[in-house]
Amino acid sequence: MLSIFTKKASLIDLFKEGFVDMHNHILPGIDDGAKTFADSLKMLEAYSAYQITQIVATPHIIQGVWPNDQKSIAAAYNQLLDKLSDGVYSDFSIRFAAEYMMDEGFQALVRQKALLPVKDNMVLVEMSYFNPPLNLKELLFEIQLQGYVPILAHPERYISYHSQFDIYLKLKQAGFLFQLNLLSLIGFYGLPTQKAALHILDKGLYDFAGTDAHKSEHLKLLKKIEKASVLKKLKPLIENSKRFV
């Protein structure tokens, strides 16, 4: 069993115990993540270096910006798999879901029960970094009414909540699960987001962790997460990722 208190321990050591990345943008040419197959391949090489071989691709679905649907996502997914058919990356298990912006388009998909879950009935959702949906309470009710469980992506990145930390507990009590962006812990998105991430982590409110990697360079930064007290709190989240197998 890995001891996370060894002097040279890092997040990469936890990955070796098994980690499923349930939030990333590896599919080529479909959103602001990998632009080409070559970009996707570089990301796979970075994953391989960390012994991460199980991935749930979650491209954006944002009305008017990235208007993806199951057809377009499946096409990008199949394109990636076709080009990996030579067996070089045969150890990888890749499937697809989506990261949904909670906008009007999303609300329509909820009503149609046409969402792509990351696993079973769990769906990955996000909101504007600056203003939460005015109808968030009603939208959550509708999500749950249709039998879905929402996983809120990177709650630490929502600037409007940084000055009212009690809202995080209220969101959890209302039924949201929380997914941490691992790079938030090293200040990749700025100091306020880093502070929010550490606060939520300290309170034990996160359920899952993901990379939200858009390029290989993002993955290479993960090795900088090495503080023992942080790794101790991350260990259950890494373990929870196995639910997405």
C-alpha atoms as a PDB file:
ATOM      1  CA  MET A   1       0.000   0.000   0.000  1.00  0.00           C
ATOM      2  CA  LEU A   2       1.346   3.414  -0.971  1.00  0.00           C
ATOM      3  CA  SER A   3       2.216   5.713   1.904  1.00  0.00           C
ATOM      4  CA  ILE A   4       1.301   9.259   0.920  1.00  0.00           C
ATOM      5  CA  PHE A   5       3.519  10.591   3.693  1.00  0.00           C
ATOM      6  CA  THR A   6       6.775   9.619   2.024  1.00  0.00           C
ATOM      7  CA  LYS A   7       8.940  12.583   1.206  1.00  0.00           C
ATOM      8  CA  LYS A   8       8.704  12.274  -2.568  1.00  0.00           C
ATOM      9  CA  ALA A   9       5.050  11.268  -2.854  1.00  0.00           C
ATOM     10  CA  SER A  10       2.920  13.106  -5.385  1.00  0.00           C
ATOM     11  CA  LEU A  11      -0.469  12.829  -7.016  1.00  0.00           C
ATOM     12  CA  ILE A  12       1.105  10.603  -9.648  1.00  0.00           C
ATOM     13  CA  ASP A  13       1.700   7.950  -7.000  1.00  0.00           C
ATOM     14  CA  LEU A  14      -2.019   7.941  -6.199  1.00  0.00           C
ATOM     15  CA  PHE A  15      -2.828   7.525  -9.883  1.00  0.00           C
ATOM     16  CA  LYS A  16      -0.862   4.280  -9.869  1.00  0.00           C
ATOM     17  CA  GLU A  17      -3.444   2.787  -7.502  1.00  0.00           C
ATOM     18  CA  GLY A  18      -6.068   3.284 -10.204  1.00  0.00           C
ATOM     19  CA  PHE A  19      -7.722   6.427 -11.526  1.00  0.00           C
ATOM     20  CA  VAL A  20     -10.480   6.999 -14.067  1.00  0.00           C
ATOM     21  CA  ASP A  21     -10.441  10.498 -15.544  1.00  0.00           C
ATOM     22  CA  MET A  22     -14.121  11.341 -15.821  1.00  0.00           C
ATOM     23  CA  HIS A  23     -13.683  14.929 -17.052  1.00  0.00           C
ATOM     24  CA  ASN A  24     -11.486  15.875 -19.995  1.00  0.00           C
ATOM     25  CA  HIS A  25     -11.612  17.206 -23.527  1.00  0.00           C
ATOM     26  CA  ILE A  26      -9.598  14.647 -25.460  1.00  0.00           C
ATOM     27  CA  LEU A  27     -11.918  14.151 -28.447  1.00  0.00           C
ATOM     28  CA  PRO A  28     -10.472  15.948 -31.475  1.00  0.00           C
ATOM     29  CA  GLY A  29     -11.994  18.975 -33.173  1.00  0.00           C
ATOM     30  CA  ILE A  30     -15.216  19.131 -31.209  1.00  0.00           C
ATOM     31  CA  ASP A  31     -14.719  21.874 -28.604  1.00  0.00           C
ATOM     32  CA  ASP A  32     -11.930  23.940 -27.025  1.00  0.00           C
ATOM     33  CA  GLY A  33      -9.934  20.832 -26.151  1.00  0.00           C
ATOM     34  CA  ALA A  34      -7.853  18.725 -28.532  1.00  0.00           C
ATOM     35  CA  LYS A  35      -7.984  20.261 -31.991  1.00  0.00           C
ATOM     36  CA  THR A  36      -6.540  17.373 -33.966  1.00  0.00           C
ATOM     37  CA  PHE A  37      -5.855  13.671 -33.597  1.00  0.00           C
ATOM     38  CA  ALA A  38      -2.212  14.591 -32.978  1.00  0.00           C
ATOM     39  CA  ASP A  39      -3.331  16.624 -29.951  1.00  0.00           C
ATOM     40  CA  SER A  40      -5.403  13.701 -28.698  1.00  0.00           C
ATOM     41  CA  LEU A  41      -2.413  11.406 -29.146  1.00  0.00           C
ATOM     42  CA  LYS A  42      -0.209  13.713 -27.065  1.00  0.00           C
ATOM     43  CA  MET A  43      -2.806  13.603 -24.312  1.00  0.00           C
ATOM     44  CA  LEU A  44      -2.853   9.804 -24.433  1.00  0.00           C
ATOM     45  CA  GLU A  45       0.926   9.767 -24.138  1.00  0.00           C
ATOM     46  CA  ALA A  46       0.686  11.970 -21.045  1.00  0.00           C
ATOM     47  CA  TYR A  47      -1.994   9.730 -19.544  1.00  0.00           C
ATOM     48  CA  SER A  48       0.132   6.682 -20.255  1.00  0.00           C
ATOM     49  CA  ALA A  49       3.085   8.222 -18.412  1.00  0.00           C
ATOM     50  CA  TYR A  50       0.869   8.384 -15.313  1.00  0.00           C
ATOM     51  CA  GLN A  51      -0.482   4.849 -15.838  1.00  0.00           C
ATOM     52  CA  ILE A  52      -3.960   6.267 -16.437  1.00  0.00           C
ATOM     53  CA  THR A  53      -5.685   4.079 -19.005  1.00  0.00           C
ATOM     54  CA  GLN A  54      -9.390   4.633 -18.324  1.00  0.00           C
ATOM     55  CA  ILE A  55     -10.956   7.815 -19.666  1.00  0.00           C
ATOM     56  CA  VAL A  56     -14.460   9.202 -19.998  1.00  0.00           C
ATOM     57  CA  ALA A  57     -14.330  11.923 -22.659  1.00  0.00           C
ATOM     58  CA  THR A  58     -16.650  14.826 -21.805  1.00  0.00           C
ATOM     59  CA  PRO A  59     -16.813  17.433 -24.582  1.00  0.00           C
ATOM     60  CA  HIS A  60     -18.735  20.631 -23.996  1.00  0.00           C
ATOM     61  CA  ILE A  61     -22.367  21.024 -24.953  1.00  0.00           C
ATOM     62  CA  ILE A  62     -23.110  24.757 -24.832  1.00  0.00           C
ATOM     63  CA  GLN A  63     -25.983  26.274 -26.764  1.00  0.00           C
ATOM     64  CA  GLY A  64     -24.721  28.667 -29.431  1.00  0.00           C
ATOM     65  CA  VAL A  65     -21.054  27.939 -28.673  1.00  0.00           C
ATOM     66  CA  TRP A  66     -20.410  24.193 -28.805  1.00  0.00           C
ATOM     67  CA  PRO A  67     -23.782  22.793 -29.951  1.00  0.00           C
ATOM     68  CA  ASN A  68     -22.703  19.173 -29.784  1.00  0.00           C
ATOM     69  CA  ASP A  69     -25.064  16.240 -29.526  1.00  0.00           C
ATOM     70  CA  GLN A  70     -24.747  12.486 -29.295  1.00  0.00           C
ATOM     71  CA  LYS A  71     -24.195  12.196 -33.057  1.00  0.00           C
ATOM     72  CA  SER A  72     -21.337  14.712 -33.268  1.00  0.00           C
ATOM     73  CA  ILE A  73     -19.690  13.384 -30.128  1.00  0.00           C
ATOM     74  CA  ALA A  74     -19.936   9.783 -31.314  1.00  0.00           C
ATOM     75  CA  ALA A  75     -18.396  10.797 -34.647  1.00  0.00           C
ATOM     76  CA  ALA A  76     -15.374  12.384 -32.943  1.00  0.00           C
ATOM     77  CA  TYR A  77     -15.099   9.408 -30.599  1.00  0.00           C
ATOM     78  CA  ASN A  78     -15.155   6.895 -33.458  1.00  0.00           C
ATOM     79  CA  GLN A  79     -12.620   8.969 -35.367  1.00  0.00           C
ATOM     80  CA  LEU A  80     -10.275   8.739 -32.404  1.00  0.00           C
ATOM     81  CA  LEU A  81     -10.790   5.006 -31.950  1.00  0.00           C
ATOM     82  CA  ASP A  82     -10.328   4.313 -35.655  1.00  0.00           C
ATOM     83  CA  LYS A  83      -6.936   5.998 -35.624  1.00  0.00           C
ATOM     84  CA  LEU A  84      -5.925   4.054 -32.533  1.00  0.00           C
ATOM     85  CA  SER A  85      -6.836   0.716 -34.081  1.00  0.00           C
ATOM     86  CA  ASP A  86      -3.200  -0.203 -34.717  1.00  0.00           C
ATOM     87  CA  GLY A  87      -3.007  -1.489 -31.147  1.00  0.00           C
ATOM     88  CA  VAL A  88      -0.407   0.927 -29.798  1.00  0.00           C
ATOM     89  CA  TYR A  89      -2.915   2.141 -27.227  1.00  0.00           C
ATOM     90  CA  SER A  90      -4.837  -1.087 -26.842  1.00  0.00           C
ATOM     91  CA  ASP A  91      -4.580  -0.843 -23.049  1.00  0.00           C
ATOM     92  CA  PHE A  92      -6.792   2.245 -23.013  1.00  0.00           C
ATOM     93  CA  SER A  93     -10.494   2.102 -22.269  1.00  0.00           C
ATOM     94  CA  ILE A  94     -12.174   5.233 -23.618  1.00  0.00           C
ATOM     95  CA  ARG A  95     -15.860   6.033 -23.692  1.00  0.00           C
ATOM     96  CA  PHE A  96     -17.787   9.260 -24.043  1.00  0.00           C
ATOM     97  CA  ALA A  97     -20.304  11.384 -22.187  1.00  0.00           C
ATOM     98  CA  ALA A  98     -20.609  15.180 -22.121  1.00  0.00           C
ATOM     99  CA  GLU A  99     -20.169  18.270 -19.976  1.00  0.00           C
ATOM    100  CA  TYR A 100     -23.424  20.212 -20.107  1.00  0.00           C
ATOM    101  CA  MET A 101     -23.776  23.935 -19.625  1.00  0.00           C
ATOM    102  CA  MET A 102     -26.977  24.450 -17.650  1.00  0.00           C
ATOM    103  CA  ASP A 103     -28.638  26.649 -20.260  1.00  0.00           C
ATOM    104  CA  GLU A 104     -31.955  26.544 -22.120  1.00  0.00           C
ATOM    105  CA  GLY A 105     -30.701  23.871 -24.469  1.00  0.00           C
ATOM    106  CA  PHE A 106     -29.767  21.689 -21.522  1.00  0.00           C
ATOM    107  CA  GLN A 107     -33.179  22.146 -19.954  1.00  0.00           C
ATOM    108  CA  ALA A 108     -34.788  20.863 -23.140  1.00  0.00           C
ATOM    109  CA  LEU A 109     -32.532  17.787 -23.145  1.00  0.00           C
ATOM    110  CA  VAL A 110     -33.407  17.072 -19.522  1.00  0.00           C
ATOM    111  CA  ARG A 111     -37.104  17.104 -20.371  1.00  0.00           C
ATOM    112  CA  GLN A 112     -36.436  14.732 -23.273  1.00  0.00           C
ATOM    113  CA  LYS A 113     -34.324  12.473 -21.046  1.00  0.00           C
ATOM    114  CA  ALA A 114     -31.680  12.704 -23.756  1.00  0.00           C
ATOM    115  CA  LEU A 115     -28.541  13.276 -21.677  1.00  0.00           C
ATOM    116  CA  LEU A 116     -25.236  11.419 -21.984  1.00  0.00           C
ATOM    117  CA  PRO A 117     -24.318  10.288 -18.450  1.00  0.00           C
ATOM    118  CA  VAL A 118     -20.764   9.788 -17.270  1.00  0.00           C
ATOM    119  CA  LYS A 119     -22.021   6.662 -15.519  1.00  0.00           C
ATOM    120  CA  ASP A 120     -25.479   5.243 -14.915  1.00  0.00           C
ATOM    121  CA  ASN A 121     -27.712   8.263 -14.163  1.00  0.00           C
ATOM    122  CA  MET A 122     -24.914  10.702 -13.231  1.00  0.00           C
ATOM    123  CA  VAL A 123     -24.514  13.701 -15.546  1.00  0.00           C
ATOM    124  CA  LEU A 124     -21.692  16.246 -15.591  1.00  0.00           C
ATOM    125  CA  VAL A 125     -22.938  19.842 -15.540  1.00  0.00           C
ATOM    126  CA  GLU A 126     -21.464  23.315 -15.316  1.00  0.00           C
ATOM    127  CA  MET A 127     -22.662  26.911 -15.149  1.00  0.00           C
ATOM    128  CA  SER A 128     -21.356  30.371 -15.962  1.00  0.00           C
ATOM    129  CA  TYR A 129     -18.297  31.269 -13.909  1.00  0.00           C
ATOM    130  CA  PHE A 130     -19.812  34.659 -13.166  1.00  0.00           C
ATOM    131  CA  ASN A 131     -23.567  34.179 -12.779  1.00  0.00           C
ATOM    132  CA  PRO A 132     -25.410  31.007 -11.755  1.00  0.00           C
ATOM    133  CA  PRO A 133     -28.681  30.257 -13.563  1.00  0.00           C
ATOM    134  CA  LEU A 134     -31.533  32.303 -12.128  1.00  0.00           C
ATOM    135  CA  ASN A 135     -33.675  29.178 -12.199  1.00  0.00           C
ATOM    136  CA  LEU A 136     -31.047  26.877 -10.677  1.00  0.00           C
ATOM    137  CA  LYS A 137     -33.386  25.562  -7.978  1.00  0.00           C
ATOM    138  CA  GLU A 138     -36.111  24.736 -10.493  1.00  0.00           C
ATOM    139  CA  LEU A 139     -33.589  23.245 -12.920  1.00  0.00           C
ATOM    140  CA  LEU A 140     -32.164  20.984 -10.231  1.00  0.00           C
ATOM    141  CA  PHE A 141     -35.676  19.818  -9.380  1.00  0.00           C
ATOM    142  CA  GLU A 142     -36.306  18.963 -13.031  1.00  0.00           C
ATOM    143  CA  ILE A 143     -32.984  17.102 -13.321  1.00  0.00           C
ATOM    144  CA  GLN A 144     -33.849  14.999 -10.304  1.00  0.00           C
ATOM    145  CA  LEU A 145     -37.431  14.510 -11.442  1.00  0.00           C
ATOM    146  CA  GLN A 146     -36.134  12.864 -14.618  1.00  0.00           C
ATOM    147  CA  GLY A 147     -34.020  10.494 -12.544  1.00  0.00           C
ATOM    148  CA  TYR A 148     -30.607  12.095 -13.054  1.00  0.00           C
ATOM    149  CA  VAL A 149     -27.960  12.891 -10.440  1.00  0.00           C
ATOM    150  CA  PRO A 150     -26.016  16.065 -11.313  1.00  0.00           C
ATOM    151  CA  ILE A 151     -22.262  16.243 -10.803  1.00  0.00           C
ATOM    152  CA  LEU A 152     -21.268  19.908 -10.671  1.00  0.00           C
ATOM    153  CA  ALA A 153     -17.962  20.330 -12.482  1.00  0.00           C
ATOM    154  CA  HIS A 154     -15.287  22.471 -10.820  1.00  0.00           C
ATOM    155  CA  PRO A 155     -17.467  24.278  -8.219  1.00  0.00           C
ATOM    156  CA  GLU A 156     -14.334  26.079  -7.057  1.00  0.00           C
ATOM    157  CA  ARG A 157     -14.228  28.035 -10.324  1.00  0.00           C
ATOM    158  CA  TYR A 158     -17.551  29.841  -9.871  1.00  0.00           C
ATOM    159  CA  ILE A 159     -16.484  33.340  -8.926  1.00  0.00           C
ATOM    160  CA  SER A 160     -19.917  34.372  -7.703  1.00  0.00           C
ATOM    161  CA  TYR A 161     -19.633  31.799  -4.904  1.00  0.00           C
ATOM    162  CA  HIS A 162     -16.180  32.781  -3.639  1.00  0.00           C
ATOM    163  CA  SER A 163     -17.611  35.365  -1.250  1.00  0.00           C
ATOM    164  CA  GLN A 164     -20.368  33.113   0.073  1.00  0.00           C
ATOM    165  CA  PHE A 165     -18.880  29.736   0.905  1.00  0.00           C
ATOM    166  CA  ASP A 166     -22.065  28.612   2.628  1.00  0.00           C
ATOM    167  CA  ILE A 167     -23.619  28.211  -0.823  1.00  0.00           C
ATOM    168  CA  TYR A 168     -21.454  25.134  -1.425  1.00  0.00           C
ATOM    169  CA  LEU A 169     -23.004  23.319   1.512  1.00  0.00           C
ATOM    170  CA  LYS A 170     -26.471  24.340   0.327  1.00  0.00           C
ATOM    171  CA  LEU A 171     -25.760  22.978  -3.161  1.00  0.00           C
ATOM    172  CA  LYS A 172     -24.608  19.676  -1.687  1.00  0.00           C
ATOM    173  CA  GLN A 173     -27.657  19.444   0.545  1.00  0.00           C
ATOM    174  CA  ALA A 174     -29.857  20.142  -2.477  1.00  0.00           C
ATOM    175  CA  GLY A 175     -28.460  17.130  -4.315  1.00  0.00           C
ATOM    176  CA  PHE A 176     -25.409  18.175  -6.340  1.00  0.00           C
ATOM    177  CA  LEU A 177     -22.293  16.015  -6.295  1.00  0.00           C
ATOM    178  CA  PHE A 178     -19.017  17.937  -6.628  1.00  0.00           C
ATOM    179  CA  GLN A 179     -16.111  17.278  -8.996  1.00  0.00           C
ATOM    180  CA  LEU A 180     -12.765  18.937  -8.292  1.00  0.00           C
ATOM    181  CA  ASN A 181     -10.523  20.145 -11.093  1.00  0.00           C
ATOM    182  CA  LEU A 182      -7.157  18.878  -9.891  1.00  0.00           C
ATOM    183  CA  LEU A 183      -5.248  21.790 -11.429  1.00  0.00           C
ATOM    184  CA  SER A 184      -7.195  24.174  -9.202  1.00  0.00           C
ATOM    185  CA  LEU A 185      -5.029  22.967  -6.319  1.00  0.00           C
ATOM    186  CA  ILE A 186      -1.861  24.498  -7.780  1.00  0.00           C
ATOM    187  CA  GLY A 187      -3.377  27.852  -8.723  1.00  0.00           C
ATOM    188  CA  PHE A 188      -3.695  27.094 -12.425  1.00  0.00           C
ATOM    189  CA  TYR A 189      -6.951  29.078 -12.609  1.00  0.00           C
ATOM    190  CA  GLY A 190      -5.825  31.792 -10.191  1.00  0.00           C
ATOM    191  CA  LEU A 191      -5.377  32.226  -6.455  1.00  0.00           C
ATOM    192  CA  PRO A 192      -9.081  32.769  -5.567  1.00  0.00           C
ATOM    193  CA  THR A 193      -9.988  29.489  -7.275  1.00  0.00           C
ATOM    194  CA  GLN A 194      -7.131  27.713  -5.525  1.00  0.00           C
ATOM    195  CA  LYS A 195      -8.324  29.005  -2.148  1.00  0.00           C
ATOM    196  CA  ALA A 196     -11.884  27.922  -2.907  1.00  0.00           C
ATOM    197  CA  ALA A 197     -10.698  24.450  -3.948  1.00  0.00           C
ATOM    198  CA  LEU A 198      -8.687  23.980  -0.772  1.00  0.00           C
ATOM    199  CA  HIS A 199     -11.620  25.194   1.321  1.00  0.00           C
ATOM    200  CA  ILE A 200     -14.080  22.782  -0.306  1.00  0.00           C
ATOM    201  CA  LEU A 201     -11.529  19.973  -0.018  1.00  0.00           C
ATOM    202  CA  ASP A 202     -10.935  20.746   3.670  1.00  0.00           C
ATOM    203  CA  LYS A 203     -14.681  20.604   4.298  1.00  0.00           C
ATOM    204  CA  GLY A 204     -14.884  17.199   2.636  1.00  0.00           C
ATOM    205  CA  LEU A 205     -17.493  18.321   0.107  1.00  0.00           C
ATOM    206  CA  TYR A 206     -15.901  16.908  -3.054  1.00  0.00           C
ATOM    207  CA  ASP A 207     -17.097  13.558  -4.354  1.00  0.00           C
ATOM    208  CA  PHE A 208     -14.876  13.123  -7.395  1.00  0.00           C
ATOM    209  CA  ALA A 209     -11.794  14.559  -9.070  1.00  0.00           C
ATOM    210  CA  GLY A 210     -11.014  15.028 -12.748  1.00  0.00           C
ATOM    211  CA  THR A 211      -8.304  16.646 -14.808  1.00  0.00           C
ATOM    212  CA  ASP A 212     -10.493  18.773 -17.113  1.00  0.00           C
ATOM    213  CA  ALA A 213      -7.458  18.512 -19.381  1.00  0.00           C
ATOM    214  CA  HIS A 214      -7.762  20.283 -22.721  1.00  0.00           C
ATOM    215  CA  LYS A 215      -4.205  19.544 -23.844  1.00  0.00           C
ATOM    216  CA  SER A 216      -1.230  17.414 -22.862  1.00  0.00           C
ATOM    217  CA  GLU A 217       0.440  20.346 -21.127  1.00  0.00           C
ATOM    218  CA  HIS A 218      -2.381  20.392 -18.588  1.00  0.00           C
ATOM    219  CA  LEU A 219      -1.756  16.762 -17.711  1.00  0.00           C
ATOM    220  CA  LYS A 220       1.967  17.305 -17.289  1.00  0.00           C
ATOM    221  CA  LEU A 221       1.300  19.892 -14.569  1.00  0.00           C
ATOM    222  CA  LEU A 222      -0.450  17.377 -12.328  1.00  0.00           C
ATOM    223  CA  LYS A 223       2.839  16.100 -10.942  1.00  0.00           C
ATOM    224  CA  LYS A 224       3.196  19.412  -9.097  1.00  0.00           C
ATOM    225  CA  ILE A 225       0.493  18.329  -6.647  1.00  0.00           C
ATOM    226  CA  GLU A 226       2.607  16.848  -3.879  1.00  0.00           C
ATOM    227  CA  LYS A 227       1.672  18.391  -0.521  1.00  0.00           C
ATOM    228  CA  ALA A 228       1.110  15.513   1.905  1.00  0.00           C
ATOM    229  CA  SER A 229      -1.942  17.014   3.612  1.00  0.00           C
ATOM    230  CA  VAL A 230      -3.604  17.596   0.238  1.00  0.00           C
ATOM    231  CA  LEU A 231      -2.783  14.111  -1.023  1.00  0.00           C
ATOM    232  CA  LYS A 232      -4.362  12.602   2.070  1.00  0.00           C
ATOM    233  CA  LYS A 233      -7.647  14.361   1.272  1.00  0.00           C
ATOM    234  CA  LEU A 234      -7.419  13.489  -2.418  1.00  0.00           C
ATOM    235  CA  LYS A 235      -6.995   9.776  -1.833  1.00  0.00           C
ATOM    236  CA  PRO A 236     -10.747   9.077  -1.345  1.00  0.00           C
ATOM    237  CA  LEU A 237     -11.556  11.065  -4.501  1.00  0.00           C
ATOM    238  CA  ILE A 238      -9.072   9.062  -6.536  1.00  0.00           C
ATOM    239  CA  GLU A 239     -10.609   5.898  -5.110  1.00  0.00           C
ATOM    240  CA  ASN A 240     -14.121   7.146  -5.965  1.00  0.00           C
ATOM    241  CA  SER A 241     -13.105   7.539  -9.605  1.00  0.00           C
ATOM    242  CA  LYS A 242     -13.301   3.761  -9.937  1.00  0.00           C
ATOM    243  CA  ARG A 243     -17.078   4.138  -9.890  1.00  0.00           C
ATOM    244  CA  PHE A 244     -16.761   5.275 -13.517  1.00  0.00           C
ATOM    245  CA  VAL A 245     -15.210   2.035 -14.750  1.00  0.00           C
END
